[in-house]
Amino acid sequence: MSGRSASRERVTKETSIRISLDVDGSGKSEVSTGLPFFDHMLAQLGRHGGFDLAIVATGDLEVDAHHTVEDVAIALGECLEEALGDKAGVRRFASVSVPLDEALVDVALDLSGRPFLVYDVDPGTDAIGTPPFDPHMAEHFWRSFATAAAITLHVRLISGRNPHHIVEASFKAVARALRDAVRVEVVGGEVPSTKGQL
């Protein structure tokens, strides 16, 4: 793993999570959460973010997916925050529009150190995949991730009808925006903030 990497183990009465993240990777992902559609979304995050990502999660899926999705998001966000360190020289801000067939999602983010989520996405009510994944869990994922990573994240649905396409476009869009925002523009540069820290 590179210098900008981190790993986390998070164990609760509801879940057991192991994650490793290399921000300067090649987009390789190995993901197993017991939720195939969620695995697919996390793999999109690694692939389109250019991150090497390994996630193994077991959770109380007999109850529902909530705890697994939330705890993966928290651990992944913590990994990102740790891997970026003081963020010296990074681009910091990024935005992108990503289409997937009829779906179009806009994302803007700031590696601000201030957790905030604006999520203007209605993916409909149809569950996705087998076992079923509630598309509204995506909002909970991004809220938990943004909070743990201490980033400001705006996700907006411009158009779309298919829940799978909408959720997947959002993961790809966040991934591409992160890829841009974490890019080091000036090696040995200053933290991109007038406060001197993010």
N, C-alpha and C. Protein backbone atom coordinates (compact mmCIF):
# COMPACT_ATOMS: atom_id res chain seq x y z
N MET A 1 0.84 -1.20 0.00
CA MET A 1 0.00 0.00 0.00
C MET A 1 0.88 1.25 0.00
N SER A 2 0.31 2.33 -0.56
CA SER A 2 1.05 3.59 -0.67
C SER A 2 1.05 4.32 0.66
N GLY A 3 1.64 5.52 0.65
CA GLY A 3 1.63 6.36 1.84
C GLY A 3 0.24 6.82 2.21
N ARG A 4 -0.62 6.99 1.19
CA ARG A 4 -1.98 7.45 1.48
C ARG A 4 -2.91 6.24 1.56
N SER A 5 -2.81 5.55 2.66
CA SER A 5 -3.61 4.33 2.86
C SER A 5 -3.99 4.22 4.32
N ALA A 6 -4.99 3.40 4.56
CA ALA A 6 -5.44 3.18 5.94
C ALA A 6 -6.24 1.89 5.99
N SER A 7 -6.37 1.36 7.18
CA SER A 7 -7.22 0.18 7.36
C SER A 7 -7.98 0.34 8.68
N ARG A 8 -9.11 -0.35 8.73
CA ARG A 8 -9.97 -0.27 9.91
C ARG A 8 -10.58 -1.62 10.19
N GLU A 9 -10.75 -1.89 11.47
CA GLU A 9 -11.55 -3.03 11.91
C GLU A 9 -12.61 -2.46 12.85
N ARG A 10 -13.84 -2.77 12.57
CA ARG A 10 -14.95 -2.27 13.40
C ARG A 10 -15.81 -3.46 13.78
N VAL A 11 -15.89 -3.73 15.08
CA VAL A 11 -16.65 -4.88 15.56
C VAL A 11 -17.66 -4.40 16.58
N THR A 12 -18.93 -4.69 16.33
CA THR A 12 -20.00 -4.37 17.27
C THR A 12 -20.83 -5.64 17.49
N LYS A 13 -21.87 -5.52 18.28
CA LYS A 13 -22.76 -6.67 18.47
C LYS A 13 -23.57 -6.97 17.21
N GLU A 14 -23.57 -6.02 16.26
CA GLU A 14 -24.37 -6.17 15.04
C GLU A 14 -23.55 -6.49 13.81
N THR A 15 -22.28 -6.05 13.78
CA THR A 15 -21.47 -6.24 12.58
C THR A 15 -20.00 -6.48 12.92
N SER A 16 -19.31 -7.04 11.94
CA SER A 16 -17.86 -7.15 12.00
C SER A 16 -17.33 -6.71 10.63
N ILE A 17 -16.52 -5.65 10.62
CA ILE A 17 -16.07 -5.02 9.37
C ILE A 17 -14.55 -4.96 9.36
N ARG A 18 -13.96 -5.35 8.22
CA ARG A 18 -12.53 -5.13 7.97
C ARG A 18 -12.38 -4.43 6.63
N ILE A 19 -11.68 -3.29 6.64
CA ILE A 19 -11.52 -2.49 5.43
C ILE A 19 -10.07 -2.05 5.30
N SER A 20 -9.55 -2.10 4.08
CA SER A 20 -8.30 -1.43 3.75
C SER A 20 -8.51 -0.60 2.51
N LEU A 21 -7.91 0.59 2.49
CA LEU A 21 -8.08 1.56 1.41
C LEU A 21 -6.74 2.14 1.03
N ASP A 22 -6.43 2.13 -0.26
CA ASP A 22 -5.26 2.80 -0.80
C ASP A 22 -5.76 3.85 -1.78
N VAL A 23 -5.67 5.11 -1.38
CA VAL A 23 -6.20 6.20 -2.20
C VAL A 23 -5.49 6.28 -3.55
N ASP A 24 -4.21 5.95 -3.58
CA ASP A 24 -3.43 6.04 -4.81
C ASP A 24 -3.28 4.67 -5.46
N GLY A 25 -4.36 3.93 -5.50
CA GLY A 25 -4.34 2.58 -6.06
C GLY A 25 -4.61 2.56 -7.55
N SER A 26 -5.09 1.42 -8.01
CA SER A 26 -5.36 1.23 -9.45
C SER A 26 -6.81 0.84 -9.71
N GLY A 27 -7.66 0.98 -8.70
CA GLY A 27 -9.08 0.68 -8.89
C GLY A 27 -9.45 -0.77 -8.65
N LYS A 28 -8.57 -1.52 -7.97
CA LYS A 28 -8.87 -2.92 -7.68
C LYS A 28 -9.69 -3.03 -6.39
N SER A 29 -10.78 -3.80 -6.46
CA SER A 29 -11.64 -3.95 -5.30
C SER A 29 -11.97 -5.41 -5.04
N GLU A 30 -11.96 -5.78 -3.78
CA GLU A 30 -12.46 -7.07 -3.33
C GLU A 30 -13.44 -6.78 -2.20
N VAL A 31 -14.71 -7.07 -2.46
CA VAL A 31 -15.76 -6.66 -1.53
C VAL A 31 -16.70 -7.83 -1.25
N SER A 32 -16.98 -8.05 0.03
CA SER A 32 -17.94 -9.08 0.42
C SER A 32 -18.68 -8.60 1.66
N THR A 33 -19.98 -8.27 1.48
CA THR A 33 -20.78 -7.79 2.60
C THR A 33 -22.01 -8.66 2.86
N GLY A 34 -22.25 -9.64 1.99
CA GLY A 34 -23.48 -10.43 2.09
C GLY A 34 -24.64 -9.79 1.35
N LEU A 35 -24.40 -8.63 0.75
CA LEU A 35 -25.40 -7.89 -0.02
C LEU A 35 -24.82 -7.65 -1.42
N PRO A 36 -25.12 -8.51 -2.38
CA PRO A 36 -24.47 -8.42 -3.69
C PRO A 36 -24.60 -7.06 -4.38
N PHE A 37 -25.76 -6.43 -4.30
CA PHE A 37 -25.89 -5.12 -4.94
C PHE A 37 -25.00 -4.09 -4.26
N PHE A 38 -24.94 -4.12 -2.94
CA PHE A 38 -24.07 -3.21 -2.18
C PHE A 38 -22.61 -3.48 -2.52
N ASP A 39 -22.24 -4.75 -2.65
CA ASP A 39 -20.88 -5.10 -3.08
C ASP A 39 -20.56 -4.44 -4.42
N HIS A 40 -21.52 -4.52 -5.33
CA HIS A 40 -21.34 -3.94 -6.67
C HIS A 40 -21.14 -2.43 -6.58
N MET A 41 -21.89 -1.76 -5.71
CA MET A 41 -21.75 -0.32 -5.55
C MET A 41 -20.39 0.05 -4.95
N LEU A 42 -19.95 -0.69 -3.95
CA LEU A 42 -18.65 -0.42 -3.34
C LEU A 42 -17.52 -0.67 -4.33
N ALA A 43 -17.68 -1.68 -5.17
CA ALA A 43 -16.68 -1.93 -6.22
C ALA A 43 -16.63 -0.77 -7.21
N GLN A 44 -17.79 -0.17 -7.50
CA GLN A 44 -17.82 1.01 -8.38
C GLN A 44 -17.05 2.16 -7.73
N LEU A 45 -17.21 2.31 -6.44
CA LEU A 45 -16.51 3.37 -5.72
C LEU A 45 -15.00 3.20 -5.83
N GLY A 46 -14.53 1.96 -5.66
CA GLY A 46 -13.11 1.70 -5.79
C GLY A 46 -12.62 1.89 -7.21
N ARG A 47 -13.34 1.31 -8.16
CA ARG A 47 -12.92 1.35 -9.56
C ARG A 47 -12.86 2.77 -10.09
N HIS A 48 -13.94 3.52 -9.92
CA HIS A 48 -14.00 4.85 -10.52
C HIS A 48 -13.32 5.91 -9.67
N GLY A 49 -13.05 5.58 -8.40
CA GLY A 49 -12.25 6.47 -7.57
C GLY A 49 -10.76 6.25 -7.75
N GLY A 50 -10.39 5.15 -8.42
CA GLY A 50 -8.98 4.81 -8.56
C GLY A 50 -8.36 4.32 -7.27
N PHE A 51 -9.21 3.81 -6.38
CA PHE A 51 -8.74 3.33 -5.08
C PHE A 51 -8.58 1.82 -5.11
N ASP A 52 -7.61 1.30 -4.37
CA ASP A 52 -7.59 -0.12 -4.05
C ASP A 52 -8.37 -0.28 -2.76
N LEU A 53 -9.35 -1.18 -2.81
CA LEU A 53 -10.31 -1.27 -1.72
C LEU A 53 -10.57 -2.74 -1.40
N ALA A 54 -10.43 -3.10 -0.15
CA ALA A 54 -10.77 -4.46 0.30
C ALA A 54 -11.72 -4.33 1.49
N ILE A 55 -12.88 -4.96 1.36
CA ILE A 55 -13.90 -4.89 2.41
C ILE A 55 -14.46 -6.28 2.66
N VAL A 56 -14.43 -6.70 3.92
CA VAL A 56 -15.11 -7.92 4.34
C VAL A 56 -16.01 -7.53 5.50
N ALA A 57 -17.31 -7.79 5.33
CA ALA A 57 -18.27 -7.41 6.36
C ALA A 57 -19.25 -8.54 6.59
N THR A 58 -19.51 -8.81 7.84
CA THR A 58 -20.61 -9.70 8.21
C THR A 58 -21.49 -8.92 9.17
N GLY A 59 -22.80 -9.11 9.01
CA GLY A 59 -23.72 -8.36 9.85
C GLY A 59 -25.02 -9.10 10.05
N ASP A 60 -25.89 -8.50 10.82
CA ASP A 60 -27.17 -9.11 11.16
C ASP A 60 -28.18 -8.90 10.02
N LEU A 61 -27.88 -9.47 8.86
CA LEU A 61 -28.73 -9.30 7.69
C LEU A 61 -30.09 -9.96 7.88
N GLU A 62 -30.19 -10.87 8.86
CA GLU A 62 -31.50 -11.46 9.14
C GLU A 62 -32.45 -10.42 9.73
N VAL A 63 -31.88 -9.34 10.29
CA VAL A 63 -32.71 -8.23 10.79
C VAL A 63 -33.02 -7.31 9.61
N ASP A 64 -31.98 -6.71 9.06
CA ASP A 64 -32.05 -5.96 7.81
C ASP A 64 -30.64 -5.51 7.44
N ALA A 65 -30.53 -4.73 6.37
CA ALA A 65 -29.21 -4.32 5.87
C ALA A 65 -28.67 -3.08 6.56
N HIS A 66 -29.48 -2.44 7.37
CA HIS A 66 -29.15 -1.13 7.92
C HIS A 66 -27.78 -1.10 8.63
N HIS A 67 -27.58 -2.01 9.55
CA HIS A 67 -26.36 -1.98 10.36
C HIS A 67 -25.12 -2.24 9.50
N THR A 68 -25.22 -3.17 8.57
CA THR A 68 -24.08 -3.48 7.70
C THR A 68 -23.72 -2.28 6.84
N VAL A 69 -24.71 -1.69 6.21
CA VAL A 69 -24.47 -0.53 5.34
C VAL A 69 -23.88 0.62 6.15
N GLU A 70 -24.46 0.91 7.30
CA GLU A 70 -23.98 2.02 8.13
C GLU A 70 -22.55 1.79 8.61
N ASP A 71 -22.26 0.61 9.12
CA ASP A 71 -20.93 0.37 9.68
C ASP A 71 -19.85 0.31 8.62
N VAL A 72 -20.17 -0.20 7.43
CA VAL A 72 -19.21 -0.14 6.33
C VAL A 72 -18.93 1.32 5.97
N ALA A 73 -19.98 2.13 5.90
CA ALA A 73 -19.81 3.55 5.56
C ALA A 73 -18.94 4.27 6.58
N ILE A 74 -19.19 4.00 7.86
CA ILE A 74 -18.40 4.65 8.91
C ILE A 74 -16.93 4.25 8.81
N ALA A 75 -16.67 2.95 8.70
CA ALA A 75 -15.28 2.48 8.64
C ALA A 75 -14.58 2.99 7.38
N LEU A 76 -15.29 3.01 6.26
CA LEU A 76 -14.69 3.49 5.01
C LEU A 76 -14.41 4.99 5.09
N GLY A 77 -15.33 5.75 5.66
CA GLY A 77 -15.10 7.18 5.84
C GLY A 77 -13.91 7.46 6.74
N GLU A 78 -13.79 6.69 7.81
CA GLU A 78 -12.64 6.85 8.72
C GLU A 78 -11.33 6.53 8.00
N CYS A 79 -11.35 5.50 7.15
CA CYS A 79 -10.16 5.15 6.37
C CYS A 79 -9.76 6.30 5.45
N LEU A 80 -10.75 6.88 4.77
CA LEU A 80 -10.44 7.98 3.85
C LEU A 80 -9.84 9.16 4.60
N GLU A 81 -10.45 9.52 5.72
CA GLU A 81 -9.92 10.66 6.48
C GLU A 81 -8.49 10.40 6.94
N GLU A 82 -8.22 9.20 7.44
CA GLU A 82 -6.87 8.88 7.89
C GLU A 82 -5.88 8.85 6.73
N ALA A 83 -6.28 8.25 5.62
CA ALA A 83 -5.38 8.12 4.47
C ALA A 83 -4.98 9.48 3.91
N LEU A 84 -5.88 10.45 3.95
CA LEU A 84 -5.58 11.78 3.40
C LEU A 84 -4.73 12.63 4.32
N GLY A 85 -4.61 12.24 5.57
CA GLY A 85 -3.75 12.97 6.51
C GLY A 85 -4.11 14.44 6.61
N ASP A 86 -3.11 15.33 6.49
CA ASP A 86 -3.39 16.76 6.62
C ASP A 86 -3.87 17.38 5.30
N LYS A 87 -3.94 16.57 4.23
CA LYS A 87 -4.46 16.99 2.92
C LYS A 87 -3.60 18.04 2.24
N ALA A 88 -2.35 18.15 2.63
CA ALA A 88 -1.46 19.13 2.01
C ALA A 88 -1.35 18.87 0.51
N GLY A 89 -1.55 19.92 -0.27
CA GLY A 89 -1.37 19.85 -1.72
C GLY A 89 -2.52 19.28 -2.51
N VAL A 90 -3.59 18.80 -1.84
CA VAL A 90 -4.69 18.19 -2.59
C VAL A 90 -5.53 19.26 -3.29
N ARG A 91 -6.27 18.82 -4.28
CA ARG A 91 -7.13 19.74 -5.03
C ARG A 91 -8.28 20.24 -4.16
N ARG A 92 -8.80 19.42 -3.29
CA ARG A 92 -9.82 19.70 -2.28
C ARG A 92 -11.24 19.70 -2.82
N PHE A 93 -11.57 20.52 -3.81
CA PHE A 93 -12.93 20.62 -4.35
C PHE A 93 -13.05 19.81 -5.63
N ALA A 94 -14.25 19.26 -5.88
CA ALA A 94 -14.50 18.60 -7.16
C ALA A 94 -15.99 18.50 -7.39
N SER A 95 -16.36 18.47 -8.66
CA SER A 95 -17.75 18.24 -9.03
C SER A 95 -17.79 17.51 -10.37
N VAL A 96 -18.89 16.78 -10.58
CA VAL A 96 -19.01 15.97 -11.79
C VAL A 96 -20.48 15.63 -12.02
N SER A 97 -20.84 15.43 -13.28
CA SER A 97 -22.15 14.87 -13.64
C SER A 97 -21.89 13.52 -14.29
N VAL A 98 -22.60 12.50 -13.84
CA VAL A 98 -22.40 11.15 -14.37
C VAL A 98 -23.74 10.58 -14.84
N PRO A 99 -23.81 10.16 -16.11
CA PRO A 99 -25.02 9.51 -16.61
C PRO A 99 -24.91 7.99 -16.53
N LEU A 100 -26.04 7.35 -16.38
CA LEU A 100 -26.15 5.91 -16.58
C LEU A 100 -27.50 5.68 -17.24
N ASP A 101 -27.48 5.50 -18.55
CA ASP A 101 -28.70 5.42 -19.34
C ASP A 101 -29.58 6.64 -19.06
N GLU A 102 -30.80 6.44 -18.56
CA GLU A 102 -31.70 7.57 -18.36
C GLU A 102 -31.39 8.38 -17.10
N ALA A 103 -30.55 7.84 -16.22
CA ALA A 103 -30.23 8.50 -14.95
C ALA A 103 -29.05 9.46 -15.13
N LEU A 104 -29.16 10.60 -14.48
CA LEU A 104 -28.07 11.59 -14.46
C LEU A 104 -27.96 12.13 -13.05
N VAL A 105 -26.77 12.04 -12.47
CA VAL A 105 -26.53 12.47 -11.09
C VAL A 105 -25.39 13.49 -11.06
N ASP A 106 -25.62 14.59 -10.35
CA ASP A 106 -24.60 15.60 -10.10
C ASP A 106 -24.05 15.44 -8.70
N VAL A 107 -22.74 15.53 -8.58
CA VAL A 107 -22.08 15.48 -7.27
C VAL A 107 -21.08 16.62 -7.17
N ALA A 108 -21.08 17.29 -6.03
CA ALA A 108 -20.04 18.26 -5.69
C ALA A 108 -19.58 17.95 -4.28
N LEU A 109 -18.27 18.04 -4.06
CA LEU A 109 -17.77 17.75 -2.72
C LEU A 109 -16.58 18.62 -2.37
N ASP A 110 -16.33 18.68 -1.08
CA ASP A 110 -15.24 19.47 -0.52
C ASP A 110 -14.63 18.64 0.62
N LEU A 111 -13.34 18.44 0.56
CA LEU A 111 -12.63 17.75 1.65
C LEU A 111 -12.42 18.74 2.79
N SER A 112 -13.51 19.22 3.32
CA SER A 112 -13.55 20.43 4.15
C SER A 112 -13.15 20.21 5.60
N GLY A 113 -13.27 18.98 6.08
CA GLY A 113 -13.15 18.76 7.51
C GLY A 113 -14.45 19.05 8.23
N ARG A 114 -15.48 19.45 7.47
CA ARG A 114 -16.79 19.75 8.06
C ARG A 114 -17.81 18.79 7.46
N PRO A 115 -18.27 17.82 8.22
CA PRO A 115 -19.22 16.83 7.68
C PRO A 115 -20.57 17.46 7.36
N PHE A 116 -21.02 17.26 6.13
CA PHE A 116 -22.34 17.74 5.74
C PHE A 116 -22.79 16.99 4.50
N LEU A 117 -24.07 16.62 4.47
CA LEU A 117 -24.62 15.95 3.30
C LEU A 117 -25.88 16.66 2.84
N VAL A 118 -25.94 16.95 1.55
CA VAL A 118 -27.18 17.33 0.88
C VAL A 118 -27.46 16.22 -0.11
N TYR A 119 -28.59 15.55 0.06
CA TYR A 119 -28.92 14.38 -0.77
C TYR A 119 -30.30 14.59 -1.36
N ASP A 120 -30.34 15.05 -2.59
CA ASP A 120 -31.59 15.33 -3.27
C ASP A 120 -31.80 14.26 -4.35
N VAL A 121 -32.11 13.07 -3.89
CA VAL A 121 -32.25 11.91 -4.77
C VAL A 121 -33.47 11.11 -4.33
N ASP A 122 -34.37 10.86 -5.27
CA ASP A 122 -35.49 9.96 -5.00
C ASP A 122 -35.36 8.77 -5.94
N PRO A 123 -34.86 7.64 -5.41
CA PRO A 123 -34.64 6.48 -6.26
C PRO A 123 -35.88 5.61 -6.45
N GLY A 124 -37.02 6.04 -5.93
CA GLY A 124 -38.21 5.20 -5.99
C GLY A 124 -38.23 4.20 -4.85
N THR A 125 -39.19 3.31 -4.89
CA THR A 125 -39.38 2.38 -3.77
C THR A 125 -39.08 0.93 -4.11
N ASP A 126 -38.76 0.65 -5.37
CA ASP A 126 -38.51 -0.74 -5.77
C ASP A 126 -37.15 -1.20 -5.25
N ALA A 127 -37.15 -2.34 -4.55
CA ALA A 127 -35.89 -2.91 -4.06
C ALA A 127 -35.06 -3.39 -5.24
N ILE A 128 -33.75 -3.47 -5.01
CA ILE A 128 -32.80 -3.83 -6.07
C ILE A 128 -32.08 -5.11 -5.68
N GLY A 129 -31.99 -6.06 -6.61
CA GLY A 129 -31.15 -7.24 -6.42
C GLY A 129 -31.76 -8.31 -5.55
N THR A 130 -30.94 -9.35 -5.32
CA THR A 130 -31.33 -10.50 -4.50
C THR A 130 -30.15 -10.86 -3.59
N PRO A 131 -30.32 -10.84 -2.27
CA PRO A 131 -31.51 -10.40 -1.56
C PRO A 131 -31.78 -8.91 -1.81
N PRO A 132 -33.02 -8.47 -1.60
CA PRO A 132 -33.39 -7.10 -1.96
C PRO A 132 -32.60 -6.06 -1.18
N PHE A 133 -32.17 -5.02 -1.91
CA PHE A 133 -31.48 -3.87 -1.31
C PHE A 133 -32.40 -2.65 -1.44
N ASP A 134 -32.74 -2.03 -0.33
CA ASP A 134 -33.59 -0.84 -0.34
C ASP A 134 -32.78 0.34 -0.89
N PRO A 135 -33.17 0.93 -2.02
CA PRO A 135 -32.37 2.00 -2.60
C PRO A 135 -32.25 3.23 -1.70
N HIS A 136 -33.16 3.37 -0.74
CA HIS A 136 -33.06 4.50 0.18
C HIS A 136 -31.92 4.33 1.19
N MET A 137 -31.37 3.13 1.28
CA MET A 137 -30.20 2.92 2.14
C MET A 137 -28.98 3.67 1.61
N ALA A 138 -29.00 4.02 0.33
CA ALA A 138 -27.87 4.77 -0.24
C ALA A 138 -27.70 6.11 0.46
N GLU A 139 -28.82 6.77 0.78
CA GLU A 139 -28.71 8.06 1.49
C GLU A 139 -28.07 7.86 2.86
N HIS A 140 -28.46 6.81 3.54
CA HIS A 140 -27.87 6.55 4.86
C HIS A 140 -26.37 6.25 4.73
N PHE A 141 -26.01 5.52 3.69
CA PHE A 141 -24.59 5.24 3.44
C PHE A 141 -23.82 6.55 3.28
N TRP A 142 -24.31 7.43 2.40
CA TRP A 142 -23.56 8.67 2.13
C TRP A 142 -23.52 9.58 3.35
N ARG A 143 -24.60 9.61 4.14
CA ARG A 143 -24.59 10.45 5.35
C ARG A 143 -23.54 9.93 6.34
N SER A 144 -23.51 8.62 6.55
CA SER A 144 -22.55 8.03 7.49
C SER A 144 -21.12 8.20 6.97
N PHE A 145 -20.94 8.01 5.66
CA PHE A 145 -19.62 8.15 5.05
C PHE A 145 -19.12 9.59 5.15
N ALA A 146 -19.96 10.56 4.78
CA ALA A 146 -19.55 11.96 4.81
C ALA A 146 -19.22 12.40 6.23
N THR A 147 -19.99 11.93 7.20
CA THR A 147 -19.73 12.28 8.59
C THR A 147 -18.40 11.72 9.06
N ALA A 148 -18.16 10.44 8.78
CA ALA A 148 -16.91 9.80 9.22
C ALA A 148 -15.69 10.34 8.49
N ALA A 149 -15.86 10.67 7.21
CA ALA A 149 -14.73 11.19 6.42
C ALA A 149 -14.53 12.68 6.62
N ALA A 150 -15.49 13.35 7.27
CA ALA A 150 -15.44 14.80 7.50
C ALA A 150 -15.35 15.56 6.17
N ILE A 151 -16.28 15.23 5.26
CA ILE A 151 -16.36 15.93 3.99
C ILE A 151 -17.75 16.56 3.82
N THR A 152 -17.82 17.57 2.97
CA THR A 152 -19.09 18.14 2.56
C THR A 152 -19.44 17.50 1.22
N LEU A 153 -20.64 16.92 1.14
CA LEU A 153 -21.03 16.15 -0.04
C LEU A 153 -22.44 16.53 -0.47
N HIS A 154 -22.57 16.92 -1.74
CA HIS A 154 -23.87 17.21 -2.34
C HIS A 154 -24.12 16.20 -3.45
N VAL A 155 -25.26 15.52 -3.40
CA VAL A 155 -25.64 14.54 -4.41
C VAL A 155 -27.04 14.89 -4.89
N ARG A 156 -27.18 15.14 -6.20
CA ARG A 156 -28.48 15.54 -6.73
C ARG A 156 -28.83 14.71 -7.96
N LEU A 157 -30.05 14.22 -7.97
CA LEU A 157 -30.57 13.50 -9.13
C LEU A 157 -31.15 14.51 -10.11
N ILE A 158 -30.63 14.52 -11.32
CA ILE A 158 -31.13 15.42 -12.35
C ILE A 158 -32.25 14.75 -13.13
N SER A 159 -32.06 13.47 -13.46
CA SER A 159 -33.12 12.71 -14.13
C SER A 159 -32.89 11.23 -13.85
N GLY A 160 -33.96 10.44 -13.99
CA GLY A 160 -33.82 9.00 -13.80
C GLY A 160 -35.09 8.36 -13.31
N ARG A 161 -35.28 7.10 -13.70
CA ARG A 161 -36.46 6.34 -13.27
C ARG A 161 -36.09 4.99 -12.67
N ASN A 162 -35.03 4.38 -13.17
CA ASN A 162 -34.63 3.05 -12.74
C ASN A 162 -33.82 3.14 -11.45
N PRO A 163 -34.28 2.55 -10.34
CA PRO A 163 -33.55 2.66 -9.07
C PRO A 163 -32.10 2.18 -9.15
N HIS A 164 -31.87 1.08 -9.86
CA HIS A 164 -30.50 0.57 -10.01
C HIS A 164 -29.63 1.62 -10.68
N HIS A 165 -30.10 2.19 -11.79
CA HIS A 165 -29.30 3.18 -12.52
C HIS A 165 -29.05 4.42 -11.67
N ILE A 166 -30.07 4.85 -10.91
CA ILE A 166 -29.93 6.05 -10.10
C ILE A 166 -28.88 5.85 -9.01
N VAL A 167 -28.98 4.76 -8.27
CA VAL A 167 -28.03 4.51 -7.18
C VAL A 167 -26.62 4.29 -7.74
N GLU A 168 -26.52 3.52 -8.82
CA GLU A 168 -25.19 3.27 -9.39
C GLU A 168 -24.56 4.55 -9.92
N ALA A 169 -25.36 5.39 -10.57
CA ALA A 169 -24.81 6.67 -11.06
C ALA A 169 -24.31 7.52 -9.90
N SER A 170 -25.00 7.46 -8.75
CA SER A 170 -24.56 8.26 -7.60
C SER A 170 -23.22 7.75 -7.06
N PHE A 171 -23.05 6.43 -6.99
CA PHE A 171 -21.77 5.89 -6.51
C PHE A 171 -20.64 6.22 -7.48
N LYS A 172 -20.90 6.09 -8.77
CA LYS A 172 -19.87 6.42 -9.76
C LYS A 172 -19.52 7.91 -9.71
N ALA A 173 -20.54 8.76 -9.51
CA ALA A 173 -20.29 10.19 -9.48
C ALA A 173 -19.48 10.59 -8.25
N VAL A 174 -19.83 10.05 -7.09
CA VAL A 174 -19.04 10.36 -5.89
C VAL A 174 -17.61 9.85 -6.07
N ALA A 175 -17.46 8.67 -6.65
CA ALA A 175 -16.13 8.12 -6.88
C ALA A 175 -15.29 9.03 -7.77
N ARG A 176 -15.86 9.50 -8.88
CA ARG A 176 -15.10 10.35 -9.80
C ARG A 176 -14.77 11.70 -9.15
N ALA A 177 -15.70 12.24 -8.36
CA ALA A 177 -15.42 13.50 -7.68
C ALA A 177 -14.32 13.32 -6.62
N LEU A 178 -14.38 12.22 -5.89
CA LEU A 178 -13.31 11.96 -4.92
C LEU A 178 -11.97 11.80 -5.60
N ARG A 179 -11.96 11.09 -6.72
CA ARG A 179 -10.71 10.88 -7.46
C ARG A 179 -10.05 12.22 -7.81
N ASP A 180 -10.89 13.18 -8.19
CA ASP A 180 -10.38 14.50 -8.55
C ASP A 180 -9.97 15.30 -7.32
N ALA A 181 -10.80 15.27 -6.28
CA ALA A 181 -10.55 16.09 -5.09
C ALA A 181 -9.30 15.67 -4.33
N VAL A 182 -9.00 14.36 -4.30
CA VAL A 182 -7.85 13.88 -3.52
C VAL A 182 -6.54 13.99 -4.28
N ARG A 183 -6.63 14.36 -5.56
CA ARG A 183 -5.42 14.45 -6.37
C ARG A 183 -4.47 15.49 -5.80
N VAL A 184 -3.21 15.13 -5.68
CA VAL A 184 -2.20 16.06 -5.17
C VAL A 184 -1.76 16.94 -6.33
N GLU A 185 -2.04 18.24 -6.20
CA GLU A 185 -1.67 19.19 -7.25
C GLU A 185 -0.25 19.71 -7.05
N VAL A 186 0.15 19.87 -5.79
CA VAL A 186 1.47 20.39 -5.49
C VAL A 186 2.12 19.48 -4.45
N VAL A 187 3.10 18.70 -4.88
CA VAL A 187 3.80 17.84 -3.94
C VAL A 187 4.53 18.71 -2.93
N GLY A 188 4.29 18.42 -1.65
CA GLY A 188 4.89 19.25 -0.60
C GLY A 188 4.20 20.59 -0.44
N GLY A 189 3.02 20.71 -1.09
CA GLY A 189 2.28 21.97 -1.03
C GLY A 189 1.61 22.20 0.31
N GLU A 190 0.99 23.35 0.41
CA GLU A 190 0.31 23.71 1.65
C GLU A 190 -1.08 23.10 1.69
N VAL A 191 -1.66 23.10 2.89
CA VAL A 191 -3.05 22.70 3.04
C VAL A 191 -3.91 23.75 2.35
N PRO A 192 -4.84 23.32 1.48
CA PRO A 192 -5.62 24.30 0.70
C PRO A 192 -6.74 24.95 1.51
N SER A 193 -6.34 25.76 2.49
CA SER A 193 -7.30 26.46 3.34
C SER A 193 -6.61 27.66 3.97
N THR A 194 -7.30 28.79 4.05
CA THR A 194 -6.72 29.96 4.71
C THR A 194 -6.55 29.74 6.20
N LYS A 195 -7.24 28.73 6.74
CA LYS A 195 -7.09 28.41 8.17
C LYS A 195 -5.81 27.62 8.44
N GLY A 196 -5.23 27.04 7.38
CA GLY A 196 -4.01 26.27 7.55
C GLY A 196 -4.27 24.81 7.88
N GLN A 197 -5.55 24.43 7.97
CA GLN A 197 -5.88 23.03 8.21
C GLN A 197 -7.28 22.75 7.71
N LEU A 198 -7.53 21.47 7.41
CA LEU A 198 -8.85 21.04 6.99
C LEU A 198 -9.31 19.94 7.95
